[in-house]
Amino acid sequence: LESVEIDLMRQALDKSQGNKSKAARLLGLTRDTFLYRLKKYALEA
């Protein structure tokens, strides 16, 4: 399940050209939740 979430987050970041707020909105998450998960999975944007 984590790998699916990571893939979705990467796709959202690509579509939003690295804009974390837009990526969060694409996934229906708050910006804070999105940033928490970025940190949790050690993803770079």
Protein backbone atom coordinates (compact mmCIF):
# COMPACT_ATOMS: atom_id res chain seq x y z
CA LEU A 1 0.00 0.00 0.00
CA GLU A 2 2.85 2.38 0.78
CA SER A 3 4.34 1.91 -2.67
CA VAL A 4 1.02 2.91 -4.27
CA GLU A 5 0.82 6.01 -2.08
CA ILE A 6 4.41 6.95 -2.94
CA ASP A 7 3.71 6.53 -6.66
CA LEU A 8 0.59 8.71 -6.42
CA MET A 9 2.49 11.39 -4.53
CA ARG A 10 5.29 11.40 -7.12
CA GLN A 11 2.76 11.65 -9.96
CA ALA A 12 0.98 14.53 -8.23
CA LEU A 13 4.29 16.34 -7.74
CA ASP A 14 5.16 15.83 -11.41
CA LYS A 15 1.76 17.14 -12.56
CA SER A 16 2.04 20.15 -10.27
CA GLN A 17 5.64 20.83 -11.34
CA GLY A 18 6.85 20.38 -7.77
CA ASN A 19 4.21 22.62 -6.20
CA LYS A 20 3.38 20.83 -2.96
CA SER A 21 0.13 22.71 -2.32
CA LYS A 22 -1.20 21.84 -5.78
CA ALA A 23 -0.04 18.24 -5.43
CA ALA A 24 -1.88 17.95 -2.12
CA ARG A 25 -5.06 19.34 -3.69
CA LEU A 26 -4.81 16.86 -6.57
CA LEU A 27 -4.80 14.03 -4.04
CA GLY A 28 -7.53 15.53 -1.85
CA LEU A 29 -5.15 16.04 1.06
CA THR A 30 -4.37 19.06 3.17
CA ARG A 31 -0.94 20.57 2.57
CA ASP A 32 0.13 19.60 6.10
CA THR A 33 -0.87 15.96 5.57
CA PHE A 34 0.92 15.90 2.24
CA LEU A 35 4.10 17.37 3.78
CA TYR A 36 3.91 14.88 6.66
CA ARG A 37 3.75 11.99 4.21
CA LEU A 38 6.58 13.43 2.10
CA LYS A 39 8.74 13.46 5.19
CA LYS A 40 7.51 10.01 6.29
CA TYR A 41 8.54 8.46 2.97
CA ALA A 42 11.65 10.65 2.63
CA LEU A 43 10.54 11.97 -0.76
CA GLU A 44 12.11 15.05 -2.30
CA ALA A 45 10.18 17.64 -4.26
